[in-house]
Amino acid sequence: MRKALIVGINHYDHIPGLEGCVGDAHSIRQLLDRNADGSVNFSQPRIMTTTGPDRRITKSEIKQAVENLFSDDNEIALFFFAGHGHVEATGGYVLLSDARTGDDGLSMSDIMLFVGQSRARNKIVILDCCYSGAIGNNPIIPMRSDIPEGTTILTASTKEQYALENGGGGVFTGLLADALSGAAADILGRITPGSIYAHIDQSLGSWSQRPVFKTNVKNFVSLRQVEPAIPLADLRRIIEFFPAPGSHYQLNPSYEPTSSTAEEQKTKIFEILQKYNRVNLLVPNDENHMYFAAMASKTVRLTATGEHFRRLVSQELI
C-alpha cells in the first residue's frame, strides 16, 4: 500500500498568512491519487488544509497525523508540507495555524524520529517551506545529515533560504507538479524522487532558491507512472534489431513508407526504429535524418542510452 499525508497551511492565527499553500496541496494530492492511465496510485491520500480560522490545523493534530502516516508497514509513506518554516540553533520547524513563535511548530527532528521508527519500505518527506533544508541535519554537528535507510528528502530551499512564491503558488511545488505530470518521466514512464529533483534543479536555473535532495536508498521507487515514451513491446524488440553491443542495423529504401519499393514488414520495423531515434536511443550513421538513412541504404546504431536499454532488455530487467 502507498500512503500519503499532504498538508497545506494558508491561515495562521498569530503570524502572517500565506496564499498558495492550500492550492499547492490539492494539486499534489490530485497528481498522487492516480497514475496517468487512471489506475490507483496512492491509496486515498489524506489532505489537511486551512484557509481561515474556522478550520485551524494545530501542532498536536499534525504530529499525530505524521506519526500515524509512518506507523504502518507500507510500500511508501509520503509526507508533503506547504506552509511556513523556521530554523534556529536547535533545528528546524514546520509551523501550523496555532504557532506564535518559530519553535511552536512541529520540529523537523520529530518528523525524522517518526521516519526513523517507520516500518515503511520507502519514506519520503517533501517540504515547501522556508529553511526546509534543515530537515535531517544533526543540530550538534551542523554539516552532518542523519538519514535513515530507505528515506528520501526533497526540500524547496536550503536551511538558510526562503521558499519563494510566484503567481499564487510555491515555485518549488509548481515544478514538483510539472515533474509528477510527466516532465520528469523516464522512457518507461516512471517518475522517481531522483528524476523529480533533477527536473526542479535544472528548471530553477540561476534562482537564488536552491532545492535540497537527501537520500539513503538502494533503489529509487516510482512515485507516479505516466505513458511510456515507447511502448514496452516495442522497446523489448531492441535486442532483435541489435543483438550484440555495437551492432548496426542495415536500412534500404524498402523501409521507407513513401518509397516505391516499400515493404510492409520493413516499414513497421522502421516505425519502431524511428521511435528509438525520437527518444535518443538510436542515431543514423552518415546522415542527419532517418528518411535519408533509409533512402541511401545507410546503417543505424544505438546511442549510449540505447546500449543501456539493450543491456536491460537482454538481462530481462525490462
C-alpha atoms as a PDB file:
ATOM      1  CA  MET A   1       0.000   0.000   0.000  1.00  0.00           C
ATOM      2  CA  ARG A   2       1.050   3.601  -0.639  1.00  0.00           C
ATOM      3  CA  LYS A   3       0.071   6.217   1.941  1.00  0.00           C
ATOM      4  CA  ALA A   4       0.434   9.983   1.694  1.00  0.00           C
ATOM      5  CA  LEU A   5      -0.256  12.864   4.067  1.00  0.00           C
ATOM      6  CA  ILE A   6      -0.499  16.217   2.294  1.00  0.00           C
ATOM      7  CA  VAL A   7      -0.657  19.441   4.315  1.00  0.00           C
ATOM      8  CA  GLY A   8      -1.226  22.998   3.114  1.00  0.00           C
ATOM      9  CA  ILE A   9      -1.426  25.911   5.572  1.00  0.00           C
ATOM     10  CA  ASN A  10      -2.586  29.348   4.405  1.00  0.00           C
ATOM     11  CA  HIS A  11      -4.114  30.580   7.677  1.00  0.00           C
ATOM     12  CA  TYR A  12      -2.085  31.408  10.778  1.00  0.00           C
ATOM     13  CA  ASP A  13      -3.599  32.855  13.944  1.00  0.00           C
ATOM     14  CA  HIS A  14      -0.616  34.892  15.123  1.00  0.00           C
ATOM     15  CA  ILE A  15       1.778  35.299  12.193  1.00  0.00           C
ATOM     16  CA  PRO A  16       1.216  36.485   8.589  1.00  0.00           C
ATOM     17  CA  GLY A  17      -0.688  34.033   6.423  1.00  0.00           C
ATOM     18  CA  LEU A  18       0.213  32.618   3.028  1.00  0.00           C
ATOM     19  CA  GLU A  19      -1.723  32.428  -0.252  1.00  0.00           C
ATOM     20  CA  GLY A  20      -0.789  29.407  -2.328  1.00  0.00           C
ATOM     21  CA  CYS A  21      -0.150  26.533   0.082  1.00  0.00           C
ATOM     22  CA  VAL A  22      -3.663  25.089   0.056  1.00  0.00           C
ATOM     23  CA  GLY A  23      -3.844  25.154  -3.728  1.00  0.00           C
ATOM     24  CA  ASP A  24      -0.417  23.524  -3.888  1.00  0.00           C
ATOM     25  CA  ALA A  25      -1.548  20.768  -1.535  1.00  0.00           C
ATOM     26  CA  HIS A  26      -4.632  19.992  -3.628  1.00  0.00           C
ATOM     27  CA  SER A  27      -2.514  19.952  -6.787  1.00  0.00           C
ATOM     28  CA  ILE A  28      -0.094  17.390  -5.335  1.00  0.00           C
ATOM     29  CA  ARG A  29      -2.910  15.286  -3.903  1.00  0.00           C
ATOM     30  CA  GLN A  30      -4.627  15.093  -7.275  1.00  0.00           C
ATOM     31  CA  LEU A  31      -1.431  14.000  -9.018  1.00  0.00           C
ATOM     32  CA  LEU A  32      -0.505  11.371  -6.426  1.00  0.00           C
ATOM     33  CA  ASP A  33      -4.022   9.938  -6.247  1.00  0.00           C
ATOM     34  CA  ARG A  34      -3.876   8.206  -9.637  1.00  0.00           C
ATOM     35  CA  ASN A  35      -1.425   7.373 -12.383  1.00  0.00           C
ATOM     36  CA  ALA A  36      -1.813   8.959 -15.801  1.00  0.00           C
ATOM     37  CA  ASP A  37      -3.857   5.994 -17.076  1.00  0.00           C
ATOM     38  CA  GLY A  38      -6.375   6.410 -14.236  1.00  0.00           C
ATOM     39  CA  SER A  39      -5.168   3.464 -12.161  1.00  0.00           C
ATOM     40  CA  VAL A  40      -4.949   3.935  -8.382  1.00  0.00           C
ATOM     41  CA  ASN A  41      -1.530   5.134  -7.208  1.00  0.00           C
ATOM     42  CA  PHE A  42      -1.597   6.267  -3.570  1.00  0.00           C
ATOM     43  CA  SER A  43      -4.489   4.900  -1.552  1.00  0.00           C
ATOM     44  CA  GLN A  44      -6.762   7.866  -0.869  1.00  0.00           C
ATOM     45  CA  PRO A  45      -4.084  10.438   0.068  1.00  0.00           C
ATOM     46  CA  ARG A  46      -5.071  12.278   3.232  1.00  0.00           C
ATOM     47  CA  ILE A  47      -5.149  16.043   2.810  1.00  0.00           C
ATOM     48  CA  MET A  48      -5.220  18.596   5.639  1.00  0.00           C
ATOM     49  CA  THR A  49      -5.612  22.258   4.695  1.00  0.00           C
ATOM     50  CA  THR A  50      -6.722  25.522   6.240  1.00  0.00           C
ATOM     51  CA  THR A  51      -7.630  28.849   4.668  1.00  0.00           C
ATOM     52  CA  GLY A  52      -9.300  30.537   7.659  1.00  0.00           C
ATOM     53  CA  PRO A  53      -9.854  30.467  11.438  1.00  0.00           C
ATOM     54  CA  ASP A  54     -12.891  28.190  11.126  1.00  0.00           C
ATOM     55  CA  ARG A  55     -10.622  25.234  10.386  1.00  0.00           C
ATOM     56  CA  ARG A  56      -7.324  25.578  12.176  1.00  0.00           C
ATOM     57  CA  ILE A  57      -4.656  22.880  11.989  1.00  0.00           C
ATOM     58  CA  THR A  58      -2.685  22.635  15.200  1.00  0.00           C
ATOM     59  CA  LYS A  59       0.717  21.236  16.041  1.00  0.00           C
ATOM     60  CA  SER A  60      -0.789  18.356  18.008  1.00  0.00           C
ATOM     61  CA  GLU A  61      -3.056  17.375  15.095  1.00  0.00           C
ATOM     62  CA  ILE A  62      -0.196  17.286  12.606  1.00  0.00           C
ATOM     63  CA  LYS A  63       2.137  15.496  14.993  1.00  0.00           C
ATOM     64  CA  GLN A  64      -0.447  12.733  15.437  1.00  0.00           C
ATOM     65  CA  ALA A  65      -1.120  12.561  11.692  1.00  0.00           C
ATOM     66  CA  VAL A  66       2.596  12.309  10.833  1.00  0.00           C
ATOM     67  CA  GLU A  67       3.094   9.618  13.467  1.00  0.00           C
ATOM     68  CA  ASN A  68       0.158   7.642  12.024  1.00  0.00           C
ATOM     69  CA  LEU A  69       1.481   8.040   8.476  1.00  0.00           C
ATOM     70  CA  PHE A  70       4.810   6.427   9.306  1.00  0.00           C
ATOM     71  CA  SER A  71       3.452   3.799  11.716  1.00  0.00           C
ATOM     72  CA  ASP A  72       2.443   1.141   9.157  1.00  0.00           C
ATOM     73  CA  ASP A  73       4.362  -1.340   7.048  1.00  0.00           C
ATOM     74  CA  ASN A  74       3.632   0.218   3.649  1.00  0.00           C
ATOM     75  CA  GLU A  75       5.476   0.272   0.350  1.00  0.00           C
ATOM     76  CA  ILE A  76       5.631   4.088   0.530  1.00  0.00           C
ATOM     77  CA  ALA A  77       4.822   6.622   3.251  1.00  0.00           C
ATOM     78  CA  LEU A  78       4.999  10.168   1.844  1.00  0.00           C
ATOM     79  CA  PHE A  79       4.676  13.437   3.759  1.00  0.00           C
ATOM     80  CA  PHE A  80       4.209  16.730   1.880  1.00  0.00           C
ATOM     81  CA  PHE A  81       4.041  20.068   3.679  1.00  0.00           C
ATOM     82  CA  ALA A  82       3.481  23.570   2.306  1.00  0.00           C
ATOM     83  CA  GLY A  83       3.454  26.437   4.775  1.00  0.00           C
ATOM     84  CA  HIS A  84       5.763  28.488   6.983  1.00  0.00           C
ATOM     85  CA  GLY A  85       9.069  27.099   8.169  1.00  0.00           C
ATOM     86  CA  HIS A  86      11.523  28.237  10.824  1.00  0.00           C
ATOM     87  CA  VAL A  87      15.102  27.415  11.801  1.00  0.00           C
ATOM     88  CA  GLU A  88      17.224  28.231  14.831  1.00  0.00           C
ATOM     89  CA  ALA A  89      20.150  26.760  16.730  1.00  0.00           C
ATOM     90  CA  THR A  90      18.073  23.815  17.981  1.00  0.00           C
ATOM     91  CA  GLY A  91      16.948  22.839  14.485  1.00  0.00           C
ATOM     92  CA  GLY A  92      14.128  23.401  12.024  1.00  0.00           C
ATOM     93  CA  TYR A  93      10.337  23.550  12.455  1.00  0.00           C
ATOM     94  CA  VAL A  94       7.239  23.448  10.258  1.00  0.00           C
ATOM     95  CA  LEU A  95       4.641  25.900  11.536  1.00  0.00           C
ATOM     96  CA  LEU A  96       0.951  25.176  11.973  1.00  0.00           C
ATOM     97  CA  SER A  97      -2.017  27.502  12.448  1.00  0.00           C
ATOM     98  CA  ASP A  98      -1.510  27.905  16.208  1.00  0.00           C
ATOM     99  CA  ALA A  99       2.185  28.876  16.062  1.00  0.00           C
ATOM    100  CA  ARG A 100       3.094  32.054  17.961  1.00  0.00           C
ATOM    101  CA  THR A 101       6.857  31.751  17.566  1.00  0.00           C
ATOM    102  CA  GLY A 102       9.086  29.657  15.344  1.00  0.00           C
ATOM    103  CA  ASP A 103       9.750  26.908  17.854  1.00  0.00           C
ATOM    104  CA  ASP A 104       5.985  26.495  18.465  1.00  0.00           C
ATOM    105  CA  GLY A 105       5.854  24.340  15.345  1.00  0.00           C
ATOM    106  CA  LEU A 106       6.402  20.646  14.768  1.00  0.00           C
ATOM    107  CA  SER A 107      10.138  20.117  14.909  1.00  0.00           C
ATOM    108  CA  MET A 108      11.849  18.565  11.911  1.00  0.00           C
ATOM    109  CA  SER A 109      13.658  16.363  14.426  1.00  0.00           C
ATOM    110  CA  ASP A 110      10.295  14.893  15.495  1.00  0.00           C
ATOM    111  CA  ILE A 111       9.406  14.239  11.857  1.00  0.00           C
ATOM    112  CA  MET A 112      12.702  12.424  11.376  1.00  0.00           C
ATOM    113  CA  LEU A 113      12.125  10.472  14.594  1.00  0.00           C
ATOM    114  CA  PHE A 114       8.869   9.100  13.173  1.00  0.00           C
ATOM    115  CA  VAL A 115      10.627   8.414   9.866  1.00  0.00           C
ATOM    116  CA  GLY A 116      13.436   6.560  11.628  1.00  0.00           C
ATOM    117  CA  GLN A 117      10.987   4.367  13.545  1.00  0.00           C
ATOM    118  CA  SER A 118       8.850   3.635  10.488  1.00  0.00           C
ATOM    119  CA  ARG A 119       8.422   0.134   9.077  1.00  0.00           C
ATOM    120  CA  ALA A 120       7.525   1.544   5.648  1.00  0.00           C
ATOM    121  CA  ARG A 121       9.961   0.398   2.967  1.00  0.00           C
ATOM    122  CA  ASN A 122      10.203   3.860   1.405  1.00  0.00           C
ATOM    123  CA  LYS A 123       9.890   7.019   3.492  1.00  0.00           C
ATOM    124  CA  ILE A 124       9.610  10.269   1.535  1.00  0.00           C
ATOM    125  CA  VAL A 125       9.468  13.771   3.012  1.00  0.00           C
ATOM    126  CA  ILE A 126       8.803  16.771   0.737  1.00  0.00           C
ATOM    127  CA  LEU A 127       8.792  20.243   2.290  1.00  0.00           C
ATOM    128  CA  ASP A 128       7.898  23.511   0.565  1.00  0.00           C
ATOM    129  CA  CYS A 129       8.678  25.993   3.306  1.00  0.00           C
ATOM    130  CA  CYS A 130      11.431  28.417   4.210  1.00  0.00           C
ATOM    131  CA  TYR A 131      14.603  26.893   5.662  1.00  0.00           C
ATOM    132  CA  SER A 132      13.310  23.414   4.799  1.00  0.00           C
ATOM    133  CA  GLY A 133      16.806  22.140   4.004  1.00  0.00           C
ATOM    134  CA  ALA A 134      17.429  21.915   7.753  1.00  0.00           C
ATOM    135  CA  ILE A 135      15.491  18.660   7.966  1.00  0.00           C
ATOM    136  CA  GLY A 136      17.704  15.671   8.554  1.00  0.00           C
ATOM    137  CA  ASN A 137      20.586  17.812   9.798  1.00  0.00           C
ATOM    138  CA  ASN A 138      22.265  16.962  13.066  1.00  0.00           C
ATOM    139  CA  PRO A 139      21.861  20.066  15.297  1.00  0.00           C
ATOM    140  CA  ILE A 140      25.071  19.248  17.175  1.00  0.00           C
ATOM    141  CA  ILE A 141      27.130  18.682  14.019  1.00  0.00           C
ATOM    142  CA  PRO A 142      25.565  21.174  11.526  1.00  0.00           C
ATOM    143  CA  MET A 143      27.340  19.835   8.420  1.00  0.00           C
ATOM    144  CA  ARG A 144      26.151  16.272   9.070  1.00  0.00           C
ATOM    145  CA  SER A 145      22.859  14.750   7.906  1.00  0.00           C
ATOM    146  CA  ASP A 146      21.304  11.717   9.580  1.00  0.00           C
ATOM    147  CA  ILE A 147      19.077   9.986   7.046  1.00  0.00           C
ATOM    148  CA  PRO A 148      17.575   6.585   7.991  1.00  0.00           C
ATOM    149  CA  GLU A 149      17.807   3.786   5.448  1.00  0.00           C
ATOM    150  CA  GLY A 150      15.006   3.841   2.889  1.00  0.00           C
ATOM    151  CA  THR A 151      14.462   7.591   3.276  1.00  0.00           C
ATOM    152  CA  THR A 152      14.411  10.357   0.690  1.00  0.00           C
ATOM    153  CA  ILE A 153      14.044  14.053   1.478  1.00  0.00           C
ATOM    154  CA  LEU A 154      13.283  16.761  -1.063  1.00  0.00           C
ATOM    155  CA  THR A 155      13.021  20.384   0.063  1.00  0.00           C
ATOM    156  CA  ALA A 156      12.284  23.709  -1.573  1.00  0.00           C
ATOM    157  CA  SER A 157      15.341  25.502  -0.223  1.00  0.00           C
ATOM    158  CA  THR A 158      18.438  25.213   1.910  1.00  0.00           C
ATOM    159  CA  LYS A 159      18.424  25.725   5.676  1.00  0.00           C
ATOM    160  CA  GLU A 160      19.353  29.395   5.133  1.00  0.00           C
ATOM    161  CA  GLN A 161      16.896  30.293   2.360  1.00  0.00           C
ATOM    162  CA  TYR A 162      13.323  31.439   1.887  1.00  0.00           C
ATOM    163  CA  ALA A 163      10.976  29.362  -0.259  1.00  0.00           C
ATOM    164  CA  LEU A 164       9.606  31.641  -2.957  1.00  0.00           C
ATOM    165  CA  GLU A 165       6.033  32.021  -4.180  1.00  0.00           C
ATOM    166  CA  ASN A 166       5.065  33.053  -7.692  1.00  0.00           C
ATOM    167  CA  GLY A 167       1.614  33.547  -9.201  1.00  0.00           C
ATOM    168  CA  GLY A 168      -0.258  32.386  -6.108  1.00  0.00           C
ATOM    169  CA  GLY A 169       1.721  29.190  -5.539  1.00  0.00           C
ATOM    170  CA  GLY A 170       5.099  27.941  -4.436  1.00  0.00           C
ATOM    171  CA  VAL A 171       7.809  27.991  -7.108  1.00  0.00           C
ATOM    172  CA  PHE A 172       9.056  24.633  -5.849  1.00  0.00           C
ATOM    173  CA  THR A 173       5.642  22.947  -5.769  1.00  0.00           C
ATOM    174  CA  GLY A 174       4.817  24.255  -9.240  1.00  0.00           C
ATOM    175  CA  LEU A 175       7.901  22.475 -10.570  1.00  0.00           C
ATOM    176  CA  LEU A 176       7.093  19.408  -8.475  1.00  0.00           C
ATOM    177  CA  ALA A 177       3.645  19.277 -10.085  1.00  0.00           C
ATOM    178  CA  ASP A 178       5.216  19.598 -13.550  1.00  0.00           C
ATOM    179  CA  ALA A 179       7.549  16.728 -12.719  1.00  0.00           C
ATOM    180  CA  LEU A 180       4.714  14.491 -11.492  1.00  0.00           C
ATOM    181  CA  SER A 181       2.668  15.377 -14.583  1.00  0.00           C
ATOM    182  CA  GLY A 182       5.327  13.761 -16.752  1.00  0.00           C
ATOM    183  CA  ALA A 183       8.163  16.249 -17.184  1.00  0.00           C
ATOM    184  CA  ALA A 184      10.421  14.059 -15.025  1.00  0.00           C
ATOM    185  CA  ALA A 185       9.384  10.698 -16.506  1.00  0.00           C
ATOM    186  CA  ASP A 186      11.941   8.301 -17.928  1.00  0.00           C
ATOM    187  CA  ILE A 187      11.467   6.340 -21.165  1.00  0.00           C
ATOM    188  CA  LEU A 188       9.376   3.781 -19.279  1.00  0.00           C
ATOM    189  CA  GLY A 189       7.098   6.498 -17.866  1.00  0.00           C
ATOM    190  CA  ARG A 190       8.404   6.202 -14.303  1.00  0.00           C
ATOM    191  CA  ILE A 191       8.755   9.315 -12.135  1.00  0.00           C
ATOM    192  CA  THR A 192      11.192   8.879  -9.247  1.00  0.00           C
ATOM    193  CA  PRO A 193      12.387  11.212  -6.488  1.00  0.00           C
ATOM    194  CA  GLY A 194      15.749  11.452  -8.255  1.00  0.00           C
ATOM    195  CA  SER A 195      14.230  12.479 -11.571  1.00  0.00           C
ATOM    196  CA  ILE A 196      11.963  14.981  -9.792  1.00  0.00           C
ATOM    197  CA  TYR A 197      14.956  16.620  -8.136  1.00  0.00           C
ATOM    198  CA  ALA A 198      16.855  16.760 -11.436  1.00  0.00           C
ATOM    199  CA  HIS A 199      13.874  18.454 -13.118  1.00  0.00           C
ATOM    200  CA  ILE A 200      13.449  21.023 -10.339  1.00  0.00           C
ATOM    201  CA  ASP A 201      17.175  21.715 -10.079  1.00  0.00           C
ATOM    202  CA  GLN A 202      17.517  22.334 -13.816  1.00  0.00           C
ATOM    203  CA  SER A 203      14.316  24.377 -14.031  1.00  0.00           C
ATOM    204  CA  LEU A 204      15.277  26.791 -11.264  1.00  0.00           C
ATOM    205  CA  GLY A 205      18.447  27.757 -13.129  1.00  0.00           C
ATOM    206  CA  SER A 206      20.001  30.823 -11.548  1.00  0.00           C
ATOM    207  CA  TRP A 207      17.261  31.410  -8.952  1.00  0.00           C
ATOM    208  CA  SER A 208      18.668  32.150  -5.524  1.00  0.00           C
ATOM    209  CA  GLN A 209      16.378  29.445  -4.111  1.00  0.00           C
ATOM    210  CA  ARG A 210      18.044  26.047  -4.375  1.00  0.00           C
ATOM    211  CA  PRO A 211      16.298  22.715  -3.732  1.00  0.00           C
ATOM    212  CA  VAL A 212      17.914  20.152  -1.441  1.00  0.00           C
ATOM    213  CA  PHE A 213      17.949  16.409  -2.032  1.00  0.00           C
ATOM    214  CA  LYS A 214      18.997  13.896   0.634  1.00  0.00           C
ATOM    215  CA  THR A 215      18.605  10.158   0.310  1.00  0.00           C
ATOM    216  CA  ASN A 216      19.689   6.844   1.756  1.00  0.00           C
ATOM    217  CA  VAL A 217      18.154   4.234  -0.538  1.00  0.00           C
ATOM    218  CA  LYS A 218      19.334   1.233  -2.549  1.00  0.00           C
ATOM    219  CA  ASN A 219      16.796   1.854  -5.322  1.00  0.00           C
ATOM    220  CA  PHE A 220      14.529   4.732  -6.262  1.00  0.00           C
ATOM    221  CA  VAL A 221      10.835   3.946  -6.111  1.00  0.00           C
ATOM    222  CA  SER A 222       8.458   5.291  -8.756  1.00  0.00           C
ATOM    223  CA  LEU A 223       6.082   7.873  -7.290  1.00  0.00           C
ATOM    224  CA  ARG A 224       3.839   8.022 -10.354  1.00  0.00           C
ATOM    225  CA  GLN A 225       3.514   6.317 -13.711  1.00  0.00           C
ATOM    226  CA  VAL A 226       2.735   8.113 -16.971  1.00  0.00           C
ATOM    227  CA  GLU A 227       2.547   6.799 -20.515  1.00  0.00           C
ATOM    228  CA  PRO A 228       5.943   5.429 -21.637  1.00  0.00           C
ATOM    229  CA  ALA A 229       7.750   7.298 -24.384  1.00  0.00           C
ATOM    230  CA  ILE A 230       7.952   3.953 -26.201  1.00  0.00           C
ATOM    231  CA  PRO A 231       5.513   1.042 -25.744  1.00  0.00           C
ATOM    232  CA  LEU A 232       7.253  -1.719 -23.786  1.00  0.00           C
ATOM    233  CA  ALA A 233       6.564  -4.248 -26.530  1.00  0.00           C
ATOM    234  CA  ASP A 234       8.487  -2.063 -28.988  1.00  0.00           C
ATOM    235  CA  LEU A 235      11.322  -1.380 -26.545  1.00  0.00           C
ATOM    236  CA  ARG A 236      11.803  -5.089 -25.870  1.00  0.00           C
ATOM    237  CA  ARG A 237      12.408  -5.674 -29.574  1.00  0.00           C
ATOM    238  CA  ILE A 238      15.648  -3.710 -29.333  1.00  0.00           C
ATOM    239  CA  ILE A 239      17.655  -6.943 -28.927  1.00  0.00           C
ATOM    240  CA  GLU A 240      16.042  -8.285 -32.107  1.00  0.00           C
ATOM    241  CA  PHE A 241      17.450  -5.394 -34.114  1.00  0.00           C
ATOM    242  CA  PHE A 242      20.688  -5.027 -32.130  1.00  0.00           C
ATOM    243  CA  PRO A 243      21.588  -8.497 -30.816  1.00  0.00           C
ATOM    244  CA  ALA A 244      25.079  -7.564 -29.584  1.00  0.00           C
ATOM    245  CA  PRO A 245      26.864  -4.498 -28.224  1.00  0.00           C
ATOM    246  CA  GLY A 246      27.941  -2.178 -31.024  1.00  0.00           C
ATOM    247  CA  SER A 247      25.571  -3.747 -33.569  1.00  0.00           C
ATOM    248  CA  HIS A 248      24.486  -1.738 -36.603  1.00  0.00           C
ATOM    249  CA  TYR A 249      21.183  -2.226 -38.396  1.00  0.00           C
ATOM    250  CA  GLN A 250      21.169  -2.016 -42.172  1.00  0.00           C
ATOM    251  CA  LEU A 251      18.485   0.049 -43.865  1.00  0.00           C
ATOM    252  CA  ASN A 252      17.480   0.409 -47.513  1.00  0.00           C
ATOM    253  CA  PRO A 253      14.683   2.190 -49.418  1.00  0.00           C
ATOM    254  CA  SER A 254      12.221  -0.655 -48.772  1.00  0.00           C
ATOM    255  CA  TYR A 255      11.999   0.502 -45.124  1.00  0.00           C
ATOM    256  CA  GLU A 256      10.731   3.984 -46.045  1.00  0.00           C
ATOM    257  CA  PRO A 257       6.893   4.013 -46.460  1.00  0.00           C
ATOM    258  CA  THR A 258       6.989   6.622 -49.246  1.00  0.00           C
ATOM    259  CA  SER A 259       9.465   4.649 -51.331  1.00  0.00           C
ATOM    260  CA  SER A 260       8.280   2.853 -54.482  1.00  0.00           C
ATOM    261  CA  THR A 261       9.969  -0.297 -53.143  1.00  0.00           C
ATOM    262  CA  ALA A 262       8.431  -0.127 -49.644  1.00  0.00           C
ATOM    263  CA  GLU A 263       7.685  -3.466 -47.942  1.00  0.00           C
ATOM    264  CA  GLU A 264       5.045  -3.571 -45.203  1.00  0.00           C
ATOM    265  CA  GLN A 265       7.025  -5.683 -42.734  1.00  0.00           C
ATOM    266  CA  LYS A 266      10.085  -3.469 -43.082  1.00  0.00           C
ATOM    267  CA  THR A 267       8.128  -0.225 -42.785  1.00  0.00           C
ATOM    268  CA  LYS A 268       6.712  -1.480 -39.475  1.00  0.00           C
ATOM    269  CA  ILE A 269      10.251  -2.108 -38.247  1.00  0.00           C
ATOM    270  CA  PHE A 270      11.280   1.340 -39.493  1.00  0.00           C
ATOM    271  CA  GLU A 271       8.443   2.893 -37.492  1.00  0.00           C
ATOM    272  CA  ILE A 272       9.869   1.328 -34.302  1.00  0.00           C
ATOM    273  CA  LEU A 273      13.394   2.452 -35.180  1.00  0.00           C
ATOM    274  CA  GLN A 274      12.099   5.992 -35.653  1.00  0.00           C
ATOM    275  CA  LYS A 275      10.589   5.855 -32.157  1.00  0.00           C
ATOM    276  CA  TYR A 276      14.028   4.891 -30.828  1.00  0.00           C
ATOM    277  CA  ASN A 277      15.511   7.831 -32.696  1.00  0.00           C
ATOM    278  CA  ARG A 278      13.000  10.319 -31.264  1.00  0.00           C
ATOM    279  CA  VAL A 279      13.990   9.458 -27.681  1.00  0.00           C
ATOM    280  CA  ASN A 280      17.732   9.350 -28.387  1.00  0.00           C
ATOM    281  CA  LEU A 281      18.168   5.590 -28.260  1.00  0.00           C
ATOM    282  CA  LEU A 282      19.329   5.416 -31.866  1.00  0.00           C
ATOM    283  CA  VAL A 283      21.043   7.592 -34.487  1.00  0.00           C
ATOM    284  CA  PRO A 284      21.671   7.094 -38.220  1.00  0.00           C
ATOM    285  CA  ASN A 285      25.230   6.740 -39.492  1.00  0.00           C
ATOM    286  CA  ASP A 286      26.440   9.345 -42.008  1.00  0.00           C
ATOM    287  CA  GLU A 287      23.015  11.013 -42.257  1.00  0.00           C
ATOM    288  CA  ASN A 288      21.120  13.555 -40.179  1.00  0.00           C
ATOM    289  CA  HIS A 289      17.649  12.100 -40.704  1.00  0.00           C
ATOM    290  CA  MET A 290      16.191   8.610 -40.656  1.00  0.00           C
ATOM    291  CA  TYR A 291      14.461   9.150 -44.026  1.00  0.00           C
ATOM    292  CA  PHE A 292      17.732   9.867 -45.790  1.00  0.00           C
ATOM    293  CA  ALA A 293      19.441   6.972 -43.994  1.00  0.00           C
ATOM    294  CA  ALA A 294      16.864   4.579 -45.438  1.00  0.00           C
ATOM    295  CA  MET A 295      16.876   6.061 -48.924  1.00  0.00           C
ATOM    296  CA  ALA A 296      20.693   5.993 -49.040  1.00  0.00           C
ATOM    297  CA  SER A 297      20.914   2.451 -47.597  1.00  0.00           C
ATOM    298  CA  LYS A 298      22.828   3.569 -44.528  1.00  0.00           C
ATOM    299  CA  THR A 299      23.033   1.836 -41.146  1.00  0.00           C
ATOM    300  CA  VAL A 300      21.789   2.956 -37.746  1.00  0.00           C
ATOM    301  CA  ARG A 301      23.374   2.390 -34.336  1.00  0.00           C
ATOM    302  CA  LEU A 302      22.419   2.695 -30.701  1.00  0.00           C
ATOM    303  CA  THR A 303      23.471   5.654 -28.583  1.00  0.00           C
ATOM    304  CA  ALA A 304      24.992   5.113 -25.142  1.00  0.00           C
ATOM    305  CA  THR A 305      21.459   5.346 -23.720  1.00  0.00           C
ATOM    306  CA  GLY A 306      20.247   2.863 -26.301  1.00  0.00           C
ATOM    307  CA  GLU A 307      23.024   0.436 -25.368  1.00  0.00           C
ATOM    308  CA  HIS A 308      21.974   0.774 -21.732  1.00  0.00           C
ATOM    309  CA  PHE A 309      18.404  -0.228 -22.542  1.00  0.00           C
ATOM    310  CA  ARG A 310      19.618  -3.020 -24.845  1.00  0.00           C
ATOM    311  CA  ARG A 311      21.501  -4.468 -21.869  1.00  0.00           C
ATOM    312  CA  LEU A 312      18.463  -4.161 -19.600  1.00  0.00           C
ATOM    313  CA  VAL A 313      16.271  -5.973 -22.108  1.00  0.00           C
ATOM    314  CA  SER A 314      18.874  -8.679 -22.751  1.00  0.00           C
ATOM    315  CA  GLN A 315      19.116  -9.290 -18.992  1.00  0.00           C
ATOM    316  CA  GLU A 316      15.293  -9.464 -18.762  1.00  0.00           C
ATOM    317  CA  LEU A 317      15.203  -6.461 -16.429  1.00  0.00           C
ATOM    318  CA  ILE A 318      12.569  -4.781 -18.601  1.00  0.00           C
END
